[in-house]
Amino acid sequence: MPNTVLTVSQSELLKMQDYYKRSLKANPPQGAVFAAKAPTYSVTAYKSGKVLFQGKDGETEAAKWGTADAKRTVKAAASSADLPQNIATMSLIGTDEVGTGDYFGPITVVAAYVKKEQIPLLKELGVKDSKHLTDETIVKIARGLIQTIPYSLLTLPNEKYNEKQAQGWSQGKIKAVLHNQAILHLLKKMNPEKPEGVLIDQFAEKQVYYRHIQNEKMIYCQNVYFSTKAEGIHLAVASASIIARYAFIKAMDQLSEKAGFTIPKGAGAKVDQAAAKLIRKFGEEELHTFAKVHFANTQKAKKLI
């Protein structure tokens, strides 16, 4: 199971302790301010300000308290034995997603196919790990990418996300189903050409991923690889991440236009204020079209009102 670590202020630590008061453990570990246990995740907060989220829904729970830049997710890294030595030069489909840690905006998932012959061209376009690129650069690169390589983009609107979450779907399951569907769509688009393999930017253990999609039509490909930090392993994943980010940025611009003011990214204090403004302007129910309402930001916004 993935572990997610956030660094928060002491005041935020006290807010978290109050938020989890109904599930607090009687004996937290040494050095901890508190520990809480829920059916699908656990939370341990330390005096240093470090907060550890564990369990199936640990990553989703952590996203309620910090932005993607404020947290560090530590997962079981794929060993070199799990990946071919020449994977960086193979013709691969790569997948990645954007928006899972943002309160506002959809989840965007992309599967992108990069042939080995295209790798030098993509490097010339500036394709690399999107975490090292500004939004302005991502938009510029993405516009060239979508004219260069085959890809499949899936955007999950907030209304649909909230519906699935209310039905008991974890964010991990939602992501797995979307990744699987994006790969299927791309394989159909590419037919009869076949990739040498598929590389999925790992957000869950392999067996958990396949359990999530056991009732879905699954991809048929002999070589499906999972790895953390896959953007740095193959440009197919880096390309998928850039296109997914580009789609997310466009979706956020559309939400801002609908709201009549700029909708912030992430899940911090500015997001709480924007959510409160939306509730005042449109009513609480309309928030379902803008946000992932199970995040703690919803309750914070109500308190601001």
C-alpha atoms as a PDB file:
ATOM      1  CA  MET A   1       0.000   0.000   0.000  1.00  0.00           C
ATOM      2  CA  PRO A   2       1.284   3.533  -0.749  1.00  0.00           C
ATOM      3  CA  ASN A   3       2.323   5.830   2.084  1.00  0.00           C
ATOM      4  CA  THR A   4       1.828   9.595   1.759  1.00  0.00           C
ATOM      5  CA  VAL A   5       3.660  12.117   3.928  1.00  0.00           C
ATOM      6  CA  LEU A   6       2.571  15.752   4.356  1.00  0.00           C
ATOM      7  CA  THR A   7       4.339  18.531   6.234  1.00  0.00           C
ATOM      8  CA  VAL A   8       1.835  20.862   7.912  1.00  0.00           C
ATOM      9  CA  SER A   9       1.882  23.751  10.398  1.00  0.00           C
ATOM     10  CA  GLN A  10       1.144  23.244  14.086  1.00  0.00           C
ATOM     11  CA  SER A  11      -2.195  25.012  13.725  1.00  0.00           C
ATOM     12  CA  GLU A  12      -3.128  22.707  10.834  1.00  0.00           C
ATOM     13  CA  LEU A  13      -2.056  19.753  12.965  1.00  0.00           C
ATOM     14  CA  LEU A  14      -4.579  20.762  15.639  1.00  0.00           C
ATOM     15  CA  LYS A  15      -7.296  21.140  12.992  1.00  0.00           C
ATOM     16  CA  MET A  16      -6.542  17.637  11.748  1.00  0.00           C
ATOM     17  CA  GLN A  17      -6.672  16.233  15.279  1.00  0.00           C
ATOM     18  CA  ASP A  18     -10.121  17.765  15.745  1.00  0.00           C
ATOM     19  CA  TYR A  19     -11.255  16.515  12.317  1.00  0.00           C
ATOM     20  CA  TYR A  20     -10.290  12.900  13.146  1.00  0.00           C
ATOM     21  CA  LYS A  21     -11.451  13.017  16.789  1.00  0.00           C
ATOM     22  CA  ARG A  22     -14.072  10.295  16.253  1.00  0.00           C
ATOM     23  CA  SER A  23     -11.476   7.786  15.049  1.00  0.00           C
ATOM     24  CA  LEU A  24      -8.532   8.609  17.326  1.00  0.00           C
ATOM     25  CA  LYS A  25      -6.497   5.686  18.695  1.00  0.00           C
ATOM     26  CA  ALA A  26      -6.019   5.535  22.459  1.00  0.00           C
ATOM     27  CA  ASN A  27      -2.268   4.905  22.310  1.00  0.00           C
ATOM     28  CA  PRO A  28      -0.485   6.785  19.498  1.00  0.00           C
ATOM     29  CA  PRO A  29       3.123   5.798  18.781  1.00  0.00           C
ATOM     30  CA  GLN A  30       6.006   7.538  20.523  1.00  0.00           C
ATOM     31  CA  GLY A  31       6.593  11.050  19.179  1.00  0.00           C
ATOM     32  CA  ALA A  32       3.123  11.279  17.682  1.00  0.00           C
ATOM     33  CA  VAL A  33       0.585  14.000  18.486  1.00  0.00           C
ATOM     34  CA  PHE A  34      -2.259  11.693  17.484  1.00  0.00           C
ATOM     35  CA  ALA A  35      -3.102   8.606  15.458  1.00  0.00           C
ATOM     36  CA  ALA A  36      -6.450   7.831  13.828  1.00  0.00           C
ATOM     37  CA  LYS A  37      -7.764   4.673  12.215  1.00  0.00           C
ATOM     38  CA  ALA A  38     -10.552   4.425   9.632  1.00  0.00           C
ATOM     39  CA  PRO A  39     -11.702   1.347   7.660  1.00  0.00           C
ATOM     40  CA  THR A  40      -9.622   2.163   4.551  1.00  0.00           C
ATOM     41  CA  TYR A  41      -6.846   4.431   5.835  1.00  0.00           C
ATOM     42  CA  SER A  42      -4.879   5.457   8.924  1.00  0.00           C
ATOM     43  CA  VAL A  43      -3.340   8.792   9.924  1.00  0.00           C
ATOM     44  CA  THR A  44      -0.365   9.360  12.225  1.00  0.00           C
ATOM     45  CA  ALA A  45       0.692  12.941  13.025  1.00  0.00           C
ATOM     46  CA  TYR A  46       4.058  13.735  14.576  1.00  0.00           C
ATOM     47  CA  LYS A  47       5.299  16.698  16.618  1.00  0.00           C
ATOM     48  CA  SER A  48       7.625  17.638  13.772  1.00  0.00           C
ATOM     49  CA  GLY A  49       4.614  18.478  11.600  1.00  0.00           C
ATOM     50  CA  LYS A  50       4.978  15.339   9.479  1.00  0.00           C
ATOM     51  CA  VAL A  51       1.693  13.488   8.912  1.00  0.00           C
ATOM     52  CA  LEU A  52       1.721   9.925   7.564  1.00  0.00           C
ATOM     53  CA  PHE A  53      -1.297   8.579   5.650  1.00  0.00           C
ATOM     54  CA  GLN A  54      -1.447   4.831   5.009  1.00  0.00           C
ATOM     55  CA  GLY A  55      -3.884   2.301   3.567  1.00  0.00           C
ATOM     56  CA  LYS A  56      -5.948   1.860   0.419  1.00  0.00           C
ATOM     57  CA  ASP A  57      -7.425   5.377   0.564  1.00  0.00           C
ATOM     58  CA  GLY A  58      -4.485   7.025   2.319  1.00  0.00           C
ATOM     59  CA  GLU A  59      -3.421   9.010  -0.733  1.00  0.00           C
ATOM     60  CA  THR A  60      -6.967  10.281  -1.316  1.00  0.00           C
ATOM     61  CA  GLU A  61      -7.315  11.276   2.335  1.00  0.00           C
ATOM     62  CA  ALA A  62      -3.977  13.100   2.250  1.00  0.00           C
ATOM     63  CA  ALA A  63      -5.116  15.077  -0.800  1.00  0.00           C
ATOM     64  CA  LYS A  64      -7.758  16.722   1.387  1.00  0.00           C
ATOM     65  CA  TRP A  65      -5.032  18.426   3.419  1.00  0.00           C
ATOM     66  CA  GLY A  66      -2.305  19.381   0.994  1.00  0.00           C
ATOM     67  CA  THR A  67      -1.573  20.298  -2.591  1.00  0.00           C
ATOM     68  CA  ALA A  68       0.343  18.048  -4.922  1.00  0.00           C
ATOM     69  CA  ASP A  69       3.447  20.192  -4.377  1.00  0.00           C
ATOM     70  CA  ALA A  70       3.125  20.047  -0.601  1.00  0.00           C
ATOM     71  CA  LYS A  71       3.097  16.308  -0.276  1.00  0.00           C
ATOM     72  CA  ARG A  72       5.490  13.503  -1.003  1.00  0.00           C
ATOM     73  CA  THR A  73       4.107  10.102  -1.882  1.00  0.00           C
ATOM     74  CA  VAL A  74       6.328   7.156  -1.096  1.00  0.00           C
ATOM     75  CA  LYS A  75       5.411   3.912  -2.830  1.00  0.00           C
ATOM     76  CA  ALA A  76       7.067   0.593  -3.301  1.00  0.00           C
ATOM     77  CA  ALA A  77       9.316   1.380  -6.250  1.00  0.00           C
ATOM     78  CA  ALA A  78       9.582  -1.074  -9.057  1.00  0.00           C
ATOM     79  CA  SER A  79      12.936  -2.808  -8.954  1.00  0.00           C
ATOM     80  CA  SER A  80      15.119  -2.775 -12.011  1.00  0.00           C
ATOM     81  CA  ALA A  81      14.334  -6.466 -12.412  1.00  0.00           C
ATOM     82  CA  ASP A  82      10.662  -5.599 -13.059  1.00  0.00           C
ATOM     83  CA  LEU A  83      11.458  -3.473 -16.108  1.00  0.00           C
ATOM     84  CA  PRO A  84      13.381  -4.352 -19.280  1.00  0.00           C
ATOM     85  CA  GLN A  85      16.847  -2.819 -19.373  1.00  0.00           C
ATOM     86  CA  ASN A  86      16.034  -1.179 -22.711  1.00  0.00           C
ATOM     87  CA  ILE A  87      12.606   0.134 -21.707  1.00  0.00           C
ATOM     88  CA  ALA A  88      13.574   3.782 -22.334  1.00  0.00           C
ATOM     89  CA  THR A  89      14.098   3.010 -26.036  1.00  0.00           C
ATOM     90  CA  MET A  90      11.066   0.772 -26.601  1.00  0.00           C
ATOM     91  CA  SER A  91       7.908   1.725 -28.515  1.00  0.00           C
ATOM     92  CA  LEU A  92       5.470   2.077 -25.619  1.00  0.00           C
ATOM     93  CA  ILE A  93       2.078   3.267 -24.506  1.00  0.00           C
ATOM     94  CA  GLY A  94       2.441   5.338 -21.343  1.00  0.00           C
ATOM     95  CA  THR A  95      -0.318   6.522 -19.003  1.00  0.00           C
ATOM     96  CA  ASP A  96      -0.634   9.203 -16.345  1.00  0.00           C
ATOM     97  CA  GLU A  97      -3.320  11.290 -14.647  1.00  0.00           C
ATOM     98  CA  VAL A  98      -3.739  14.833 -13.321  1.00  0.00           C
ATOM     99  CA  GLY A  99      -6.187  16.431 -10.902  1.00  0.00           C
ATOM    100  CA  THR A 100      -6.515  13.779  -8.198  1.00  0.00           C
ATOM    101  CA  GLY A 101      -5.129  16.045  -5.469  1.00  0.00           C
ATOM    102  CA  ASP A 102      -6.958  19.169  -6.600  1.00  0.00           C
ATOM    103  CA  TYR A 103     -10.248  20.062  -4.934  1.00  0.00           C
ATOM    104  CA  PHE A 104     -11.516  21.880  -8.011  1.00  0.00           C
ATOM    105  CA  GLY A 105     -11.502  20.512 -11.525  1.00  0.00           C
ATOM    106  CA  PRO A 106     -11.812  17.083 -13.128  1.00  0.00           C
ATOM    107  CA  ILE A 107      -9.473  14.129 -13.196  1.00  0.00           C
ATOM    108  CA  THR A 108      -7.800  13.885 -16.600  1.00  0.00           C
ATOM    109  CA  VAL A 109      -6.179  10.622 -17.696  1.00  0.00           C
ATOM    110  CA  VAL A 110      -4.121  10.155 -20.851  1.00  0.00           C
ATOM    111  CA  ALA A 111      -2.621   7.152 -22.631  1.00  0.00           C
ATOM    112  CA  ALA A 112       0.000   8.181 -25.197  1.00  0.00           C
ATOM    113  CA  TYR A 113       1.955   6.092 -27.711  1.00  0.00           C
ATOM    114  CA  VAL A 114       5.555   6.948 -28.515  1.00  0.00           C
ATOM    115  CA  LYS A 115       7.492   4.939 -31.063  1.00  0.00           C
ATOM    116  CA  LYS A 116      11.209   4.499 -30.516  1.00  0.00           C
ATOM    117  CA  GLU A 117      11.900   6.463 -33.696  1.00  0.00           C
ATOM    118  CA  GLN A 118      10.026   9.472 -32.270  1.00  0.00           C
ATOM    119  CA  ILE A 119      12.025   9.756 -29.047  1.00  0.00           C
ATOM    120  CA  PRO A 120      14.630  12.223 -30.449  1.00  0.00           C
ATOM    121  CA  LEU A 121      11.836  14.385 -31.906  1.00  0.00           C
ATOM    122  CA  LEU A 122       9.985  14.514 -28.582  1.00  0.00           C
ATOM    123  CA  LYS A 123      13.168  15.548 -26.817  1.00  0.00           C
ATOM    124  CA  GLU A 124      13.463  18.391 -29.322  1.00  0.00           C
ATOM    125  CA  LEU A 125       9.886  19.406 -28.477  1.00  0.00           C
ATOM    126  CA  GLY A 126      10.944  19.676 -24.841  1.00  0.00           C
ATOM    127  CA  VAL A 127       9.090  16.645 -23.507  1.00  0.00           C
ATOM    128  CA  LYS A 128      10.256  15.674 -20.011  1.00  0.00           C
ATOM    129  CA  ASP A 129       8.904  15.155 -16.494  1.00  0.00           C
ATOM    130  CA  SER A 130       6.013  17.653 -16.264  1.00  0.00           C
ATOM    131  CA  LYS A 131       6.798  18.412 -12.608  1.00  0.00           C
ATOM    132  CA  HIS A 132       9.782  20.395 -13.914  1.00  0.00           C
ATOM    133  CA  LEU A 133       7.664  22.445 -16.344  1.00  0.00           C
ATOM    134  CA  THR A 134       5.512  25.541 -15.819  1.00  0.00           C
ATOM    135  CA  ASP A 135       1.883  25.522 -16.943  1.00  0.00           C
ATOM    136  CA  GLU A 136       2.769  27.942 -19.748  1.00  0.00           C
ATOM    137  CA  THR A 137       5.482  25.591 -21.042  1.00  0.00           C
ATOM    138  CA  ILE A 138       3.171  22.582 -20.734  1.00  0.00           C
ATOM    139  CA  VAL A 139       0.530  24.284 -22.883  1.00  0.00           C
ATOM    140  CA  LYS A 140       3.122  25.104 -25.547  1.00  0.00           C
ATOM    141  CA  ILE A 141       4.584  21.572 -25.632  1.00  0.00           C
ATOM    142  CA  ALA A 142       1.168  19.881 -25.514  1.00  0.00           C
ATOM    143  CA  ARG A 143      -0.055  21.742 -28.587  1.00  0.00           C
ATOM    144  CA  GLY A 144       2.822  20.241 -30.543  1.00  0.00           C
ATOM    145  CA  LEU A 145       2.468  16.807 -28.970  1.00  0.00           C
ATOM    146  CA  ILE A 146      -1.189  16.301 -29.826  1.00  0.00           C
ATOM    147  CA  GLN A 147      -0.296  16.874 -33.481  1.00  0.00           C
ATOM    148  CA  THR A 148       2.598  14.401 -33.321  1.00  0.00           C
ATOM    149  CA  ILE A 149       1.611  11.235 -31.430  1.00  0.00           C
ATOM    150  CA  PRO A 150      -1.550   9.136 -31.029  1.00  0.00           C
ATOM    151  CA  TYR A 151      -3.187   9.492 -27.625  1.00  0.00           C
ATOM    152  CA  SER A 152      -6.436   8.967 -25.751  1.00  0.00           C
ATOM    153  CA  LEU A 153      -7.719  11.547 -23.277  1.00  0.00           C
ATOM    154  CA  LEU A 154     -10.439  10.849 -20.694  1.00  0.00           C
ATOM    155  CA  THR A 155     -11.852  13.643 -18.550  1.00  0.00           C
ATOM    156  CA  LEU A 156     -13.992  12.718 -15.536  1.00  0.00           C
ATOM    157  CA  PRO A 157     -16.308  15.641 -14.667  1.00  0.00           C
ATOM    158  CA  ASN A 158     -16.815  16.491 -11.022  1.00  0.00           C
ATOM    159  CA  GLU A 159     -20.474  15.443 -11.079  1.00  0.00           C
ATOM    160  CA  LYS A 160     -19.486  11.935 -12.201  1.00  0.00           C
ATOM    161  CA  TYR A 161     -16.571  11.788  -9.753  1.00  0.00           C
ATOM    162  CA  ASN A 162     -18.833  12.716  -6.832  1.00  0.00           C
ATOM    163  CA  GLU A 163     -21.407  10.156  -7.958  1.00  0.00           C
ATOM    164  CA  LYS A 164     -18.834   7.344  -8.050  1.00  0.00           C
ATOM    165  CA  GLN A 165     -17.307   8.407  -4.739  1.00  0.00           C
ATOM    166  CA  ALA A 166     -20.767   8.390  -3.114  1.00  0.00           C
ATOM    167  CA  GLN A 167     -21.254   4.844  -4.442  1.00  0.00           C
ATOM    168  CA  GLY A 168     -18.165   3.741  -2.502  1.00  0.00           C
ATOM    169  CA  TRP A 169     -15.542   3.920  -5.242  1.00  0.00           C
ATOM    170  CA  SER A 170     -12.114   4.835  -3.910  1.00  0.00           C
ATOM    171  CA  GLN A 171     -10.034   7.297  -5.875  1.00  0.00           C
ATOM    172  CA  GLY A 172      -7.668   4.407  -6.622  1.00  0.00           C
ATOM    173  CA  LYS A 173     -10.456   2.452  -8.316  1.00  0.00           C
ATOM    174  CA  ILE A 174     -11.587   5.496 -10.268  1.00  0.00           C
ATOM    175  CA  LYS A 175      -8.043   6.028 -11.554  1.00  0.00           C
ATOM    176  CA  ALA A 176      -7.548   2.349 -12.429  1.00  0.00           C
ATOM    177  CA  VAL A 177     -10.757   2.220 -14.481  1.00  0.00           C
ATOM    178  CA  LEU A 178      -9.855   5.430 -16.306  1.00  0.00           C
ATOM    179  CA  HIS A 179      -6.302   4.276 -17.075  1.00  0.00           C
ATOM    180  CA  ASN A 180      -7.635   0.968 -18.389  1.00  0.00           C
ATOM    181  CA  GLN A 181     -10.239   2.679 -20.581  1.00  0.00           C
ATOM    182  CA  ALA A 182      -7.708   5.156 -21.978  1.00  0.00           C
ATOM    183  CA  ILE A 183      -5.367   2.316 -22.974  1.00  0.00           C
ATOM    184  CA  LEU A 184      -8.229   0.383 -24.611  1.00  0.00           C
ATOM    185  CA  HIS A 185      -9.294   3.444 -26.601  1.00  0.00           C
ATOM    186  CA  LEU A 186      -5.736   4.101 -27.751  1.00  0.00           C
ATOM    187  CA  LEU A 187      -5.121   0.476 -28.785  1.00  0.00           C
ATOM    188  CA  LYS A 188      -8.301   0.638 -30.878  1.00  0.00           C
ATOM    189  CA  LYS A 189      -7.176   3.918 -32.435  1.00  0.00           C
ATOM    190  CA  MET A 190      -3.722   2.458 -33.235  1.00  0.00           C
ATOM    191  CA  ASN A 191      -4.979  -0.855 -34.649  1.00  0.00           C
ATOM    192  CA  PRO A 192      -3.394  -2.787 -36.340  1.00  0.00           C
ATOM    193  CA  GLU A 193      -0.144  -1.340 -34.938  1.00  0.00           C
ATOM    194  CA  LYS A 194       0.864  -2.860 -31.596  1.00  0.00           C
ATOM    195  CA  PRO A 195       3.136  -1.381 -28.918  1.00  0.00           C
ATOM    196  CA  GLU A 196       6.040  -3.312 -27.438  1.00  0.00           C
ATOM    197  CA  GLY A 197       4.463  -2.754 -24.045  1.00  0.00           C
ATOM    198  CA  VAL A 198       2.452  -0.502 -21.734  1.00  0.00           C
ATOM    199  CA  LEU A 199       3.990   1.513 -18.885  1.00  0.00           C
ATOM    200  CA  ILE A 200       1.583   2.744 -16.191  1.00  0.00           C
ATOM    201  CA  ASP A 201       2.689   5.445 -13.771  1.00  0.00           C
ATOM    202  CA  GLN A 202       2.088   3.419 -10.629  1.00  0.00           C
ATOM    203  CA  PHE A 203      -0.514   4.688  -8.159  1.00  0.00           C
ATOM    204  CA  ALA A 204      -1.377   1.254  -6.722  1.00  0.00           C
ATOM    205  CA  GLU A 205       0.245  -2.151  -6.429  1.00  0.00           C
ATOM    206  CA  LYS A 206      -0.172  -4.295  -9.554  1.00  0.00           C
ATOM    207  CA  GLN A 207      -2.559  -6.768  -7.924  1.00  0.00           C
ATOM    208  CA  VAL A 208      -4.663  -3.918  -6.493  1.00  0.00           C
ATOM    209  CA  TYR A 209      -4.868  -2.274  -9.928  1.00  0.00           C
ATOM    210  CA  TYR A 210      -6.154  -5.471 -11.529  1.00  0.00           C
ATOM    211  CA  ARG A 211      -8.605  -6.021  -8.676  1.00  0.00           C
ATOM    212  CA  HIS A 212     -10.045  -2.556  -9.321  1.00  0.00           C
ATOM    213  CA  ILE A 213     -10.699  -3.374 -12.993  1.00  0.00           C
ATOM    214  CA  GLN A 214     -11.743  -7.018 -12.632  1.00  0.00           C
ATOM    215  CA  ASN A 215     -15.290  -6.217 -13.796  1.00  0.00           C
ATOM    216  CA  GLU A 216     -14.098  -4.088 -16.723  1.00  0.00           C
ATOM    217  CA  LYS A 217     -13.005  -5.081 -20.189  1.00  0.00           C
ATOM    218  CA  MET A 218      -9.260  -5.380 -19.698  1.00  0.00           C
ATOM    219  CA  ILE A 219      -6.428  -4.538 -22.043  1.00  0.00           C
ATOM    220  CA  TYR A 220      -4.781  -7.477 -23.757  1.00  0.00           C
ATOM    221  CA  CYS A 221      -1.066  -6.865 -23.903  1.00  0.00           C
ATOM    222  CA  GLN A 222       1.685  -9.245 -22.854  1.00  0.00           C
ATOM    223  CA  ASN A 223       4.008  -6.591 -21.486  1.00  0.00           C
ATOM    224  CA  VAL A 224       2.262  -4.306 -18.986  1.00  0.00           C
ATOM    225  CA  TYR A 225       4.701  -2.602 -16.612  1.00  0.00           C
ATOM    226  CA  PHE A 226       4.092  -0.576 -13.464  1.00  0.00           C
ATOM    227  CA  SER A 227       6.578   1.886 -12.023  1.00  0.00           C
ATOM    228  CA  THR A 228       6.641   4.948  -9.823  1.00  0.00           C
ATOM    229  CA  LYS A 229       8.275   8.048 -11.306  1.00  0.00           C
ATOM    230  CA  ALA A 230       7.553   6.571 -14.746  1.00  0.00           C
ATOM    231  CA  GLU A 231       7.727  10.049 -16.337  1.00  0.00           C
ATOM    232  CA  GLY A 232      11.482   9.806 -15.943  1.00  0.00           C
ATOM    233  CA  ILE A 233      11.626   6.287 -17.395  1.00  0.00           C
ATOM    234  CA  HIS A 234       9.947   6.726 -20.776  1.00  0.00           C
ATOM    235  CA  LEU A 235       8.807   9.742 -22.792  1.00  0.00           C
ATOM    236  CA  ALA A 236       5.437   8.051 -23.439  1.00  0.00           C
ATOM    237  CA  VAL A 237       4.497   8.595 -19.788  1.00  0.00           C
ATOM    238  CA  ALA A 238       5.976  12.109 -19.798  1.00  0.00           C
ATOM    239  CA  SER A 239       3.905  12.859 -22.914  1.00  0.00           C
ATOM    240  CA  ALA A 240       0.759  11.465 -21.289  1.00  0.00           C
ATOM    241  CA  SER A 241       1.366  13.622 -18.225  1.00  0.00           C
ATOM    242  CA  ILE A 242       1.853  16.793 -20.288  1.00  0.00           C
ATOM    243  CA  ILE A 243      -1.320  16.243 -22.334  1.00  0.00           C
ATOM    244  CA  ALA A 244      -3.296  15.393 -19.186  1.00  0.00           C
ATOM    245  CA  ARG A 245      -2.035  18.565 -17.499  1.00  0.00           C
ATOM    246  CA  TYR A 246      -2.898  20.602 -20.599  1.00  0.00           C
ATOM    247  CA  ALA A 247      -6.462  19.229 -20.540  1.00  0.00           C
ATOM    248  CA  PHE A 248      -6.728  19.960 -16.809  1.00  0.00           C
ATOM    249  CA  ILE A 249      -5.562  23.556 -17.286  1.00  0.00           C
ATOM    250  CA  LYS A 250      -8.165  24.087 -20.021  1.00  0.00           C
ATOM    251  CA  ALA A 251     -10.882  22.577 -17.805  1.00  0.00           C
ATOM    252  CA  MET A 252      -9.910  24.881 -14.928  1.00  0.00           C
ATOM    253  CA  ASP A 253     -10.091  27.890 -17.259  1.00  0.00           C
ATOM    254  CA  GLN A 254     -13.624  26.836 -18.241  1.00  0.00           C
ATOM    255  CA  LEU A 255     -14.628  26.488 -14.585  1.00  0.00           C
ATOM    256  CA  SER A 256     -13.199  29.938 -13.855  1.00  0.00           C
ATOM    257  CA  GLU A 257     -15.247  31.388 -16.705  1.00  0.00           C
ATOM    258  CA  LYS A 258     -18.362  29.695 -15.351  1.00  0.00           C
ATOM    259  CA  ALA A 259     -17.651  30.928 -11.815  1.00  0.00           C
ATOM    260  CA  GLY A 260     -16.869  34.484 -12.866  1.00  0.00           C
ATOM    261  CA  PHE A 261     -13.529  34.485 -11.031  1.00  0.00           C
ATOM    262  CA  THR A 262     -10.268  32.528 -11.112  1.00  0.00           C
ATOM    263  CA  ILE A 263     -10.610  29.057  -9.597  1.00  0.00           C
ATOM    264  CA  PRO A 264      -7.371  28.119  -7.769  1.00  0.00           C
ATOM    265  CA  LYS A 265      -5.583  24.792  -8.106  1.00  0.00           C
ATOM    266  CA  GLY A 266      -4.573  22.538  -5.217  1.00  0.00           C
ATOM    267  CA  ALA A 267      -6.382  22.116  -1.912  1.00  0.00           C
ATOM    268  CA  GLY A 268      -5.079  24.936   0.313  1.00  0.00           C
ATOM    269  CA  ALA A 269      -6.561  27.964   2.057  1.00  0.00           C
ATOM    270  CA  LYS A 270      -7.233  29.859  -1.197  1.00  0.00           C
ATOM    271  CA  VAL A 271      -9.318  26.902  -2.331  1.00  0.00           C
ATOM    272  CA  ASP A 272     -11.414  27.073   0.858  1.00  0.00           C
ATOM    273  CA  GLN A 273     -12.104  30.759   0.210  1.00  0.00           C
ATOM    274  CA  ALA A 274     -13.036  30.115  -3.422  1.00  0.00           C
ATOM    275  CA  ALA A 275     -15.394  27.307  -2.401  1.00  0.00           C
ATOM    276  CA  ALA A 276     -17.097  29.593   0.121  1.00  0.00           C
ATOM    277  CA  LYS A 277     -17.487  32.237  -2.584  1.00  0.00           C
ATOM    278  CA  LEU A 278     -19.071  29.675  -4.930  1.00  0.00           C
ATOM    279  CA  ILE A 279     -21.523  28.528  -2.250  1.00  0.00           C
ATOM    280  CA  ARG A 280     -22.562  32.124  -1.594  1.00  0.00           C
ATOM    281  CA  LYS A 281     -22.963  32.789  -5.307  1.00  0.00           C
ATOM    282  CA  PHE A 282     -24.600  29.589  -6.569  1.00  0.00           C
ATOM    283  CA  GLY A 283     -25.618  27.520  -3.530  1.00  0.00           C
ATOM    284  CA  GLU A 284     -24.003  24.434  -2.030  1.00  0.00           C
ATOM    285  CA  GLU A 285     -25.490  21.974  -4.528  1.00  0.00           C
ATOM    286  CA  GLU A 286     -23.744  23.663  -7.457  1.00  0.00           C
ATOM    287  CA  LEU A 287     -20.416  22.879  -5.778  1.00  0.00           C
ATOM    288  CA  HIS A 288     -20.792  19.320  -7.122  1.00  0.00           C
ATOM    289  CA  THR A 289     -20.107  20.619 -10.636  1.00  0.00           C
ATOM    290  CA  PHE A 290     -16.927  22.410  -9.561  1.00  0.00           C
ATOM    291  CA  ALA A 291     -15.296  20.243  -6.916  1.00  0.00           C
ATOM    292  CA  LYS A 292     -14.589  16.871  -5.325  1.00  0.00           C
ATOM    293  CA  VAL A 293     -16.960  17.521  -2.455  1.00  0.00           C
ATOM    294  CA  HIS A 294     -15.699  14.788  -0.098  1.00  0.00           C
ATOM    295  CA  PHE A 295     -12.425  16.711   0.396  1.00  0.00           C
ATOM    296  CA  ALA A 296     -12.165  18.528   3.731  1.00  0.00           C
ATOM    297  CA  ASN A 297     -12.227  21.843   1.838  1.00  0.00           C
ATOM    298  CA  THR A 298     -16.032  21.621   1.637  1.00  0.00           C
ATOM    299  CA  GLN A 299     -16.415  21.695   5.416  1.00  0.00           C
ATOM    300  CA  LYS A 300     -13.768  24.402   5.729  1.00  0.00           C
ATOM    301  CA  ALA A 301     -15.659  26.532   3.198  1.00  0.00           C
ATOM    302  CA  LYS A 302     -18.904  26.121   5.142  1.00  0.00           C
ATOM    303  CA  LYS A 303     -17.155  27.290   8.304  1.00  0.00           C
ATOM    304  CA  LEU A 304     -15.933  30.388   6.477  1.00  0.00           C
ATOM    305  CA  ILE A 305     -19.510  31.151   5.513  1.00  0.00           C
END
